Each structure stands twice: as C-alpha cells, then as structure tokens.
C-alpha cells in the first residue's frame, strides 16, 4: 500500500506530436530548468535553459531518427523519446 505522501504531485510532462516533422510541443515543464537533446549515438546535439511552463521546440535542422530529450532540475530528471521524420 502506498501512502499519500509518496505520490509525486508534479504534473506529467506532455509532448506531441511524436513522431514529429520538425515542431515539437512540450508542456508541464515548469519543474525543470534545463534540457539536453541527444542523438542516437548519445551525443548532445542541443542544450538550453528552461524558464517557461511550455516549449515549442524546433527540430527541423535535425536529421531523421531517434532523439532523447532530457529535462532536468536539481531534484529530478525525465527523458522523452522522440522520433524525427
């Protein structure tokens, strides 16, 4: 049984469309202050600081393939898997 104190109250990060043709919308990210984007080789292809609750992220310049978007704060990290077509 789980107590109410163990439930994470932060909203779930939403991202769409996935797969994307270039524009990716990410919201509920106010709990995170930075973002790294990795290609399938594990190389960082972009990095930015976050300060808004949502982000319209432009992936048009990226080659088609799988990308990992890592949202981070001092307390937590979430990783999103995104396919760029």
PDB file of N, CA and C in Angstrom:
ATOM      1  N   UNK A   1       0.834  -1.167   0.000  1.00  0.00           N
ATOM      2  CA  UNK A   1       0.000   0.000   0.000  1.00  0.00           C
ATOM      3  C   UNK A   1       0.886   1.240   0.000  1.00  0.00           C
ATOM      4  N   UNK A   2       0.480   2.245  -0.758  1.00  0.00           N
ATOM      5  CA  UNK A   2       1.245   3.483  -0.873  1.00  0.00           C
ATOM      6  C   UNK A   2       0.554   4.587  -0.093  1.00  0.00           C
ATOM      7  N   UNK A   3       1.330   5.309   0.690  1.00  0.00           N
ATOM      8  CA  UNK A   3       0.733   6.427   1.422  1.00  0.00           C
ATOM      9  C   UNK A   3       0.619   7.632   0.510  1.00  0.00           C
ATOM     10  N   UNK A   4      -0.235   8.562   0.849  1.00  0.00           N
ATOM     11  CA  UNK A   4      -0.455   9.757   0.050  1.00  0.00           C
ATOM     12  C   UNK A   4       0.800  10.618  -0.022  1.00  0.00           C
ATOM     13  N   UNK A   5       1.674  10.535   0.967  1.00  0.00           N
ATOM     14  CA  UNK A   5       2.896  11.332   0.979  1.00  0.00           C
ATOM     15  C   UNK A   5       3.922  10.851  -0.044  1.00  0.00           C
ATOM     16  N   UNK A   6       3.772   9.661  -0.572  1.00  0.00           N
ATOM     17  CA  UNK A   6       4.731   9.125  -1.526  1.00  0.00           C
ATOM     18  C   UNK A   6       4.363   9.420  -2.976  1.00  0.00           C
ATOM     19  N   UNK A   7       3.225  10.003  -3.220  1.00  0.00           N
ATOM     20  CA  UNK A   7       2.782  10.289  -4.578  1.00  0.00           C
ATOM     21  C   UNK A   7       3.411  11.594  -5.050  1.00  0.00           C
ATOM     22  N   UNK A   8       3.997  11.569  -6.260  1.00  0.00           N
ATOM     23  CA  UNK A   8       4.615  12.760  -6.840  1.00  0.00           C
ATOM     24  C   UNK A   8       3.510  13.690  -7.339  1.00  0.00           C
ATOM     25  N   UNK A   9       3.385  14.894  -6.754  1.00  0.00           N
ATOM     26  CA  UNK A   9       2.295  15.791  -7.134  1.00  0.00           C
ATOM     27  C   UNK A   9       2.550  16.565  -8.425  1.00  0.00           C
ATOM     28  N   UNK A  10       3.752  16.500  -8.984  1.00  0.00           N
ATOM     29  CA  UNK A  10       4.045  17.283 -10.177  1.00  0.00           C
ATOM     30  C   UNK A  10       3.308  16.714 -11.389  1.00  0.00           C
ATOM     31  N   UNK A  11       2.857  17.595 -12.278  1.00  0.00           N
ATOM     32  CA  UNK A  11       2.128  17.132 -13.459  1.00  0.00           C
ATOM     33  C   UNK A  11       3.045  16.381 -14.421  1.00  0.00           C
ATOM     34  N   UNK A  12       2.458  15.490 -15.169  1.00  0.00           N
ATOM     35  CA  UNK A  12       3.212  14.699 -16.137  1.00  0.00           C
ATOM     36  C   UNK A  12       3.604  15.574 -17.327  1.00  0.00           C
ATOM     37  N   UNK A  13       4.819  15.421 -17.797  1.00  0.00           N
ATOM     38  CA  UNK A  13       5.290  16.149 -18.975  1.00  0.00           C
ATOM     39  C   UNK A  13       4.578  15.593 -20.198  1.00  0.00           C
ATOM     40  N   UNK A  14       4.025  16.469 -21.019  1.00  0.00           N
ATOM     41  CA  UNK A  14       3.359  16.077 -22.261  1.00  0.00           C
ATOM     42  C   UNK A  14       4.201  16.553 -23.433  1.00  0.00           C
ATOM     43  N   UNK A  15       4.279  15.741 -24.480  1.00  0.00           N
ATOM     44  CA  UNK A  15       4.980  16.159 -25.689  1.00  0.00           C
ATOM     45  C   UNK A  15       4.294  15.549 -26.900  1.00  0.00           C
ATOM     46  N   UNK A  16       4.181  16.343 -27.953  1.00  0.00           N
ATOM     47  CA  UNK A  16       3.490  15.916 -29.160  1.00  0.00           C
ATOM     48  C   UNK A  16       3.801  16.877 -30.299  1.00  0.00           C
ATOM     49  N   UNK A  17       3.654  16.489 -31.545  1.00  0.00           N
ATOM     50  CA  UNK A  17       3.361  15.125 -31.999  1.00  0.00           C
ATOM     51  C   UNK A  17       4.623  14.272 -31.954  1.00  0.00           C
ATOM     52  N   UNK A  18       4.437  13.001 -31.832  1.00  0.00           N
ATOM     53  CA  UNK A  18       5.540  12.059 -31.837  1.00  0.00           C
ATOM     54  C   UNK A  18       5.115  10.822 -32.612  1.00  0.00           C
ATOM     55  N   UNK A  19       5.661  10.609 -33.796  1.00  0.00           N
ATOM     56  CA  UNK A  19       6.793  11.277 -34.415  1.00  0.00           C
ATOM     57  C   UNK A  19       6.456  12.705 -34.854  1.00  0.00           C
ATOM     58  N   UNK A  20       7.528  13.497 -35.040  1.00  0.00           N
ATOM     59  CA  UNK A  20       7.366  14.884 -35.454  1.00  0.00           C
ATOM     60  C   UNK A  20       8.079  15.131 -36.777  1.00  0.00           C
ATOM     61  N   UNK A  21       7.570  16.085 -37.537  1.00  0.00           N
ATOM     62  CA  UNK A  21       8.226  16.510 -38.773  1.00  0.00           C
ATOM     63  C   UNK A  21       9.181  17.673 -38.526  1.00  0.00           C
ATOM     64  N   UNK A  22       9.180  18.199 -37.315  1.00  0.00           N
ATOM     65  CA  UNK A  22      10.095  19.299 -37.026  1.00  0.00           C
ATOM     66  C   UNK A  22       9.707  20.119 -35.816  1.00  0.00           C
ATOM     67  N   UNK A  23       8.422  20.372 -35.615  1.00  0.00           N
ATOM     68  CA  UNK A  23       7.965  21.130 -34.457  1.00  0.00           C
ATOM     69  C   UNK A  23       7.466  20.174 -33.385  1.00  0.00           C
ATOM     70  N   UNK A  24       7.989  20.343 -32.171  1.00  0.00           N
ATOM     71  CA  UNK A  24       7.585  19.513 -31.043  1.00  0.00           C
ATOM     72  C   UNK A  24       7.117  20.424 -29.926  1.00  0.00           C
ATOM     73  N   UNK A  25       5.939  20.174 -29.392  1.00  0.00           N
ATOM     74  CA  UNK A  25       5.404  20.948 -28.280  1.00  0.00           C
ATOM     75  C   UNK A  25       5.592  20.136 -27.001  1.00  0.00           C
ATOM     76  N   UNK A  26       6.204  20.768 -26.004  1.00  0.00           N
ATOM     77  CA  UNK A  26       6.442  20.122 -24.710  1.00  0.00           C
ATOM     78  C   UNK A  26       5.828  21.009 -23.638  1.00  0.00           C
ATOM     79  N   UNK A  27       4.946  20.445 -22.795  1.00  0.00           N
ATOM     80  CA  UNK A  27       4.382  21.267 -21.716  1.00  0.00           C
ATOM     81  C   UNK A  27       4.442  20.553 -20.370  1.00  0.00           C
ATOM     82  N   UNK A  28       4.047  21.290 -19.336  1.00  0.00           N
ATOM     83  CA  UNK A  28       4.182  20.864 -17.931  1.00  0.00           C
ATOM     84  C   UNK A  28       5.655  20.702 -17.551  1.00  0.00           C
ATOM     85  N   UNK A  29       6.487  21.664 -17.966  1.00  0.00           N
ATOM     86  CA  UNK A  29       7.924  21.579 -17.708  1.00  0.00           C
ATOM     87  C   UNK A  29       8.406  22.633 -16.714  1.00  0.00           C
ATOM     88  N   UNK A  30       7.506  23.258 -15.997  1.00  0.00           N
ATOM     89  CA  UNK A  30       7.891  24.306 -15.055  1.00  0.00           C
ATOM     90  C   UNK A  30       8.799  23.788 -13.942  1.00  0.00           C
ATOM     91  N   UNK A  31       8.732  22.496 -13.633  1.00  0.00           N
ATOM     92  CA  UNK A  31       9.582  21.912 -12.590  1.00  0.00           C
ATOM     93  C   UNK A  31      11.021  21.684 -13.048  1.00  0.00           C
ATOM     94  N   UNK A  32      11.314  21.925 -14.322  1.00  0.00           N
ATOM     95  CA  UNK A  32      12.637  21.659 -14.881  1.00  0.00           C
ATOM     96  C   UNK A  32      13.289  22.967 -15.323  1.00  0.00           C
ATOM     97  N   UNK A  33      14.620  23.043 -15.195  1.00  0.00           N
ATOM     98  CA  UNK A  33      15.288  24.286 -15.550  1.00  0.00           C
ATOM     99  C   UNK A  33      16.306  24.161 -16.688  1.00  0.00           C
ATOM    100  N   UNK A  34      16.538  22.948 -17.163  1.00  0.00           N
ATOM    101  CA  UNK A  34      17.458  22.779 -18.281  1.00  0.00           C
ATOM    102  C   UNK A  34      17.077  21.545 -19.103  1.00  0.00           C
ATOM    103  N   UNK A  35      17.583  21.532 -20.341  1.00  0.00           N
ATOM    104  CA  UNK A  35      17.231  20.469 -21.275  1.00  0.00           C
ATOM    105  C   UNK A  35      18.450  20.121 -22.128  1.00  0.00           C
ATOM    106  N   UNK A  36      18.690  18.836 -22.311  1.00  0.00           N
ATOM    107  CA  UNK A  36      19.693  18.337 -23.258  1.00  0.00           C
ATOM    108  C   UNK A  36      18.990  17.451 -24.270  1.00  0.00           C
ATOM    109  N   UNK A  37      19.427  17.543 -25.518  1.00  0.00           N
ATOM    110  CA  UNK A  37      18.896  16.692 -26.583  1.00  0.00           C
ATOM    111  C   UNK A  37      20.052  15.838 -27.089  1.00  0.00           C
ATOM    112  N   UNK A  38      19.827  14.511 -27.130  1.00  0.00           N
ATOM    113  CA  UNK A  38      20.846  13.556 -27.554  1.00  0.00           C
ATOM    114  C   UNK A  38      20.405  12.857 -28.831  1.00  0.00           C
ATOM    115  N   UNK A  39      21.353  12.608 -29.734  1.00  0.00           N
ATOM    116  CA  UNK A  39      21.046  11.799 -30.909  1.00  0.00           C
ATOM    117  C   UNK A  39      21.191  10.322 -30.556  1.00  0.00           C
ATOM    118  N   UNK A  40      20.994   9.450 -31.531  1.00  0.00           N
ATOM    119  CA  UNK A  40      21.034   8.006 -31.263  1.00  0.00           C
ATOM    120  C   UNK A  40      22.422   7.519 -30.858  1.00  0.00           C
ATOM    121  N   UNK A  41      23.457   8.314 -31.125  1.00  0.00           N
ATOM    122  CA  UNK A  41      24.824   7.956 -30.730  1.00  0.00           C
ATOM    123  C   UNK A  41      25.146   8.396 -29.305  1.00  0.00           C
ATOM    124  N   UNK A  42      24.212   9.099 -28.671  1.00  0.00           N
ATOM    125  CA  UNK A  42      24.441   9.588 -27.320  1.00  0.00           C
ATOM    126  C   UNK A  42      25.145  10.931 -27.266  1.00  0.00           C
ATOM    127  N   UNK A  43      25.287  11.580 -28.413  1.00  0.00           N
ATOM    128  CA  UNK A  43      25.938  12.884 -28.480  1.00  0.00           C
ATOM    129  C   UNK A  43      24.920  13.988 -28.205  1.00  0.00           C
ATOM    130  N   UNK A  44      25.333  14.991 -27.429  1.00  0.00           N
ATOM    131  CA  UNK A  44      24.449  16.135 -27.195  1.00  0.00           C
ATOM    132  C   UNK A  44      24.405  16.975 -28.467  1.00  0.00           C
ATOM    133  N   UNK A  45      23.199  17.166 -29.013  1.00  0.00           N
ATOM    134  CA  UNK A  45      23.030  17.971 -30.224  1.00  0.00           C
ATOM    135  C   UNK A  45      22.416  19.330 -29.925  1.00  0.00           C
ATOM    136  N   UNK A  46      21.883  19.509 -28.720  1.00  0.00           N
ATOM    137  CA  UNK A  46      21.346  20.804 -28.311  1.00  0.00           C
ATOM    138  C   UNK A  46      21.222  20.825 -26.794  1.00  0.00           C
ATOM    139  N   UNK A  47      21.283  22.014 -26.239  1.00  0.00           N
ATOM    140  CA  UNK A  47      21.160  22.195 -24.804  1.00  0.00           C
ATOM    141  C   UNK A  47      20.579  23.579 -24.566  1.00  0.00           C
ATOM    142  N   UNK A  48      19.672  23.699 -23.611  1.00  0.00           N
ATOM    143  CA  UNK A  48      19.106  25.017 -23.316  1.00  0.00           C
ATOM    144  C   UNK A  48      18.588  25.072 -21.896  1.00  0.00           C
ATOM    145  N   UNK A  49      18.466  26.305 -21.405  1.00  0.00           N
ATOM    146  CA  UNK A  49      17.870  26.545 -20.107  1.00  0.00           C
ATOM    147  C   UNK A  49      16.385  26.783 -20.294  1.00  0.00           C
ATOM    148  N   UNK A  50      15.585  26.319 -19.347  1.00  0.00           N
ATOM    149  CA  UNK A  50      14.135  26.431 -19.411  1.00  0.00           C
ATOM    150  C   UNK A  50      13.639  27.391 -18.339  1.00  0.00           C
ATOM    151  N   UNK A  51      12.630  28.192 -18.680  1.00  0.00           N
ATOM    152  CA  UNK A  51      12.066  29.112 -17.694  1.00  0.00           C
ATOM    153  C   UNK A  51      10.558  29.280 -17.834  1.00  0.00           C
ATOM    154  N   UNK A  52       9.954  28.576 -18.775  1.00  0.00           N
ATOM    155  CA  UNK A  52       8.513  28.695 -19.024  1.00  0.00           C
ATOM    156  C   UNK A  52       7.844  27.344 -18.783  1.00  0.00           C
ATOM    157  N   UNK A  53       6.524  27.333 -18.620  1.00  0.00           N
ATOM    158  CA  UNK A  53       5.814  26.070 -18.390  1.00  0.00           C
ATOM    159  C   UNK A  53       5.668  25.208 -19.643  1.00  0.00           C
ATOM    160  N   UNK A  54       5.979  25.786 -20.830  1.00  0.00           N
ATOM    161  CA  UNK A  54       5.837  25.042 -22.086  1.00  0.00           C
ATOM    162  C   UNK A  54       6.912  25.501 -23.064  1.00  0.00           C
ATOM    163  N   UNK A  55       7.142  24.666 -24.085  1.00  0.00           N
ATOM    164  CA  UNK A  55       8.180  24.961 -25.062  1.00  0.00           C
ATOM    165  C   UNK A  55       7.737  24.469 -26.427  1.00  0.00           C
ATOM    166  N   UNK A  56       7.856  25.330 -27.435  1.00  0.00           N
ATOM    167  CA  UNK A  56       7.729  24.924 -28.835  1.00  0.00           C
ATOM    168  C   UNK A  56       9.141  24.699 -29.336  1.00  0.00           C
ATOM    169  N   UNK A  57       9.519  23.439 -29.502  1.00  0.00           N
ATOM    170  CA  UNK A  57      10.893  23.106 -29.837  1.00  0.00           C
ATOM    171  C   UNK A  57      11.012  22.785 -31.317  1.00  0.00           C
ATOM    172  N   UNK A  58      11.942  23.463 -31.992  1.00  0.00           N
ATOM    173  CA  UNK A  58      12.134  23.306 -33.431  1.00  0.00           C
ATOM    174  C   UNK A  58      13.212  22.265 -33.711  1.00  0.00           C
ATOM    175  N   UNK A  59      12.826  21.172 -34.355  1.00  0.00           N
ATOM    176  CA  UNK A  59      13.759  20.093 -34.706  1.00  0.00           C
ATOM    177  C   UNK A  59      13.975  19.998 -36.215  1.00  0.00           C
ATOM    178  N   UNK A  60      13.573  21.036 -36.984  1.00  0.00           N
ATOM    179  CA  UNK A  60      13.693  20.976 -38.440  1.00  0.00           C
ATOM    180  C   UNK A  60      15.124  20.733 -38.913  1.00  0.00           C
ATOM    181  N   UNK A  61      16.109  21.275 -38.222  1.00  0.00           N
ATOM    182  CA  UNK A  61      17.509  21.143 -38.648  1.00  0.00           C
ATOM    183  C   UNK A  61      18.102  19.773 -38.327  1.00  0.00           C
ATOM    184  N   UNK A  62      17.426  18.984 -37.533  1.00  0.00           N
ATOM    185  CA  UNK A  62      17.934  17.667 -37.147  1.00  0.00           C
ATOM    186  C   UNK A  62      17.668  16.646 -38.248  1.00  0.00           C
ATOM    187  N   UNK A  63      18.589  15.686 -38.374  1.00  0.00           N
ATOM    188  CA  UNK A  63      18.380  14.572 -39.296  1.00  0.00           C
ATOM    189  C   UNK A  63      17.268  13.680 -38.762  1.00  0.00           C
ATOM    190  N   UNK A  64      16.636  12.929 -39.643  1.00  0.00           N
ATOM    191  CA  UNK A  64      15.608  11.984 -39.228  1.00  0.00           C
ATOM    192  C   UNK A  64      16.212  10.918 -38.327  1.00  0.00           C
ATOM    193  N   UNK A  65      15.463  10.517 -37.304  1.00  0.00           N
ATOM    194  CA  UNK A  65      15.947   9.476 -36.411  1.00  0.00           C
ATOM    195  C   UNK A  65      15.399   9.621 -35.011  1.00  0.00           C
ATOM    196  N   UNK A  66      15.960   8.852 -34.091  1.00  0.00           N
ATOM    197  CA  UNK A  66      15.538   8.834 -32.694  1.00  0.00           C
ATOM    198  C   UNK A  66      16.361   9.834 -31.888  1.00  0.00           C
ATOM    199  N   UNK A  67      15.683  10.613 -31.035  1.00  0.00           N
ATOM    200  CA  UNK A  67      16.333  11.569 -30.149  1.00  0.00           C
ATOM    201  C   UNK A  67      15.813  11.371 -28.736  1.00  0.00           C
ATOM    202  N   UNK A  68      16.680  11.594 -27.777  1.00  0.00           N
ATOM    203  CA  UNK A  68      16.293  11.589 -26.370  1.00  0.00           C
ATOM    204  C   UNK A  68      16.368  13.022 -25.870  1.00  0.00           C
ATOM    205  N   UNK A  69      15.274  13.498 -25.305  1.00  0.00           N
ATOM    206  CA  UNK A  69      15.229  14.835 -24.720  1.00  0.00           C
ATOM    207  C   UNK A  69      15.184  14.662 -23.217  1.00  0.00           C
ATOM    208  N   UNK A  70      16.198  15.165 -22.555  1.00  0.00           N
ATOM    209  CA  UNK A  70      16.312  15.016 -21.110  1.00  0.00           C
ATOM    210  C   UNK A  70      16.019  16.361 -20.456  1.00  0.00           C
ATOM    211  N   UNK A  71      14.972  16.394 -19.630  1.00  0.00           N
ATOM    212  CA  UNK A  71      14.599  17.574 -18.858  1.00  0.00           C
ATOM    213  C   UNK A  71      15.117  17.374 -17.442  1.00  0.00           C
ATOM    214  N   UNK A  72      15.781  18.398 -16.898  1.00  0.00           N
ATOM    215  CA  UNK A  72      16.456  18.218 -15.615  1.00  0.00           C
ATOM    216  C   UNK A  72      16.209  19.382 -14.667  1.00  0.00           C
ATOM    217  N   UNK A  73      16.232  19.059 -13.391  1.00  0.00           N
ATOM    218  CA  UNK A  73      16.299  20.032 -12.303  1.00  0.00           C
ATOM    219  C   UNK A  73      17.249  19.437 -11.274  1.00  0.00           C
ATOM    220  N   UNK A  74      17.472  20.136 -10.184  1.00  0.00           N
ATOM    221  CA  UNK A  74      18.326  19.582  -9.134  1.00  0.00           C
ATOM    222  C   UNK A  74      17.677  18.390  -8.446  1.00  0.00           C
ATOM    223  N   UNK A  75      16.340  18.296  -8.494  1.00  0.00           N
ATOM    224  CA  UNK A  75      15.622  17.240  -7.789  1.00  0.00           C
ATOM    225  C   UNK A  75      15.252  16.043  -8.658  1.00  0.00           C
ATOM    226  N   UNK A  76      15.090  16.251  -9.982  1.00  0.00           N
ATOM    227  CA  UNK A  76      14.607  15.140 -10.802  1.00  0.00           C
ATOM    228  C   UNK A  76      14.993  15.312 -12.264  1.00  0.00           C
ATOM    229  N   UNK A  77      14.854  14.207 -12.989  1.00  0.00           N
ATOM    230  CA  UNK A  77      15.155  14.160 -14.419  1.00  0.00           C
ATOM    231  C   UNK A  77      14.100  13.297 -15.097  1.00  0.00           C
ATOM    232  N   UNK A  78      13.676  13.719 -16.281  1.00  0.00           N
ATOM    233  CA  UNK A  78      12.778  12.905 -17.089  1.00  0.00           C
ATOM    234  C   UNK A  78      13.359  12.864 -18.501  1.00  0.00           C
ATOM    235  N   UNK A  79      13.247  11.698 -19.152  1.00  0.00           N
ATOM    236  CA  UNK A  79      13.761  11.528 -20.507  1.00  0.00           C
ATOM    237  C   UNK A  79      12.614  11.178 -21.441  1.00  0.00           C
ATOM    238  N   UNK A  80      12.529  11.918 -22.547  1.00  0.00           N
ATOM    239  CA  UNK A  80      11.494  11.716 -23.556  1.00  0.00           C
ATOM    240  C   UNK A  80      12.134  11.122 -24.797  1.00  0.00           C
ATOM    241  N   UNK A  81      11.493  10.126 -25.388  1.00  0.00           N
ATOM    242  CA  UNK A  81      11.955   9.533 -26.644  1.00  0.00           C
ATOM    243  C   UNK A  81      11.133  10.110 -27.768  1.00  0.00           C
ATOM    244  N   UNK A  82      11.820  10.739 -28.732  1.00  0.00           N
ATOM    245  CA  UNK A  82      11.138  11.423 -29.840  1.00  0.00           C
ATOM    246  C   UNK A  82      11.710  10.932 -31.157  1.00  0.00           C
ATOM    247  N   UNK A  83      10.824  10.685 -32.099  1.00  0.00           N
ATOM    248  CA  UNK A  83      11.236  10.302 -33.450  1.00  0.00           C
ATOM    249  C   UNK A  83      11.035  11.497 -34.364  1.00  0.00           C
ATOM    250  N   UNK A  84      12.099  11.868 -35.073  1.00  0.00           N
ATOM    251  CA  UNK A  84      12.036  12.960 -36.054  1.00  0.00           C
ATOM    252  C   UNK A  84      11.948  12.332 -37.438  1.00  0.00           C
ATOM    253  N   UNK A  85      10.886  12.650 -38.171  1.00  0.00           N
ATOM    254  CA  UNK A  85      10.695  12.149 -39.548  1.00  0.00           C
ATOM    255  C   UNK A  85      11.076  13.212 -40.548  1.00  0.00           C
TER     256      UNK A  85
END
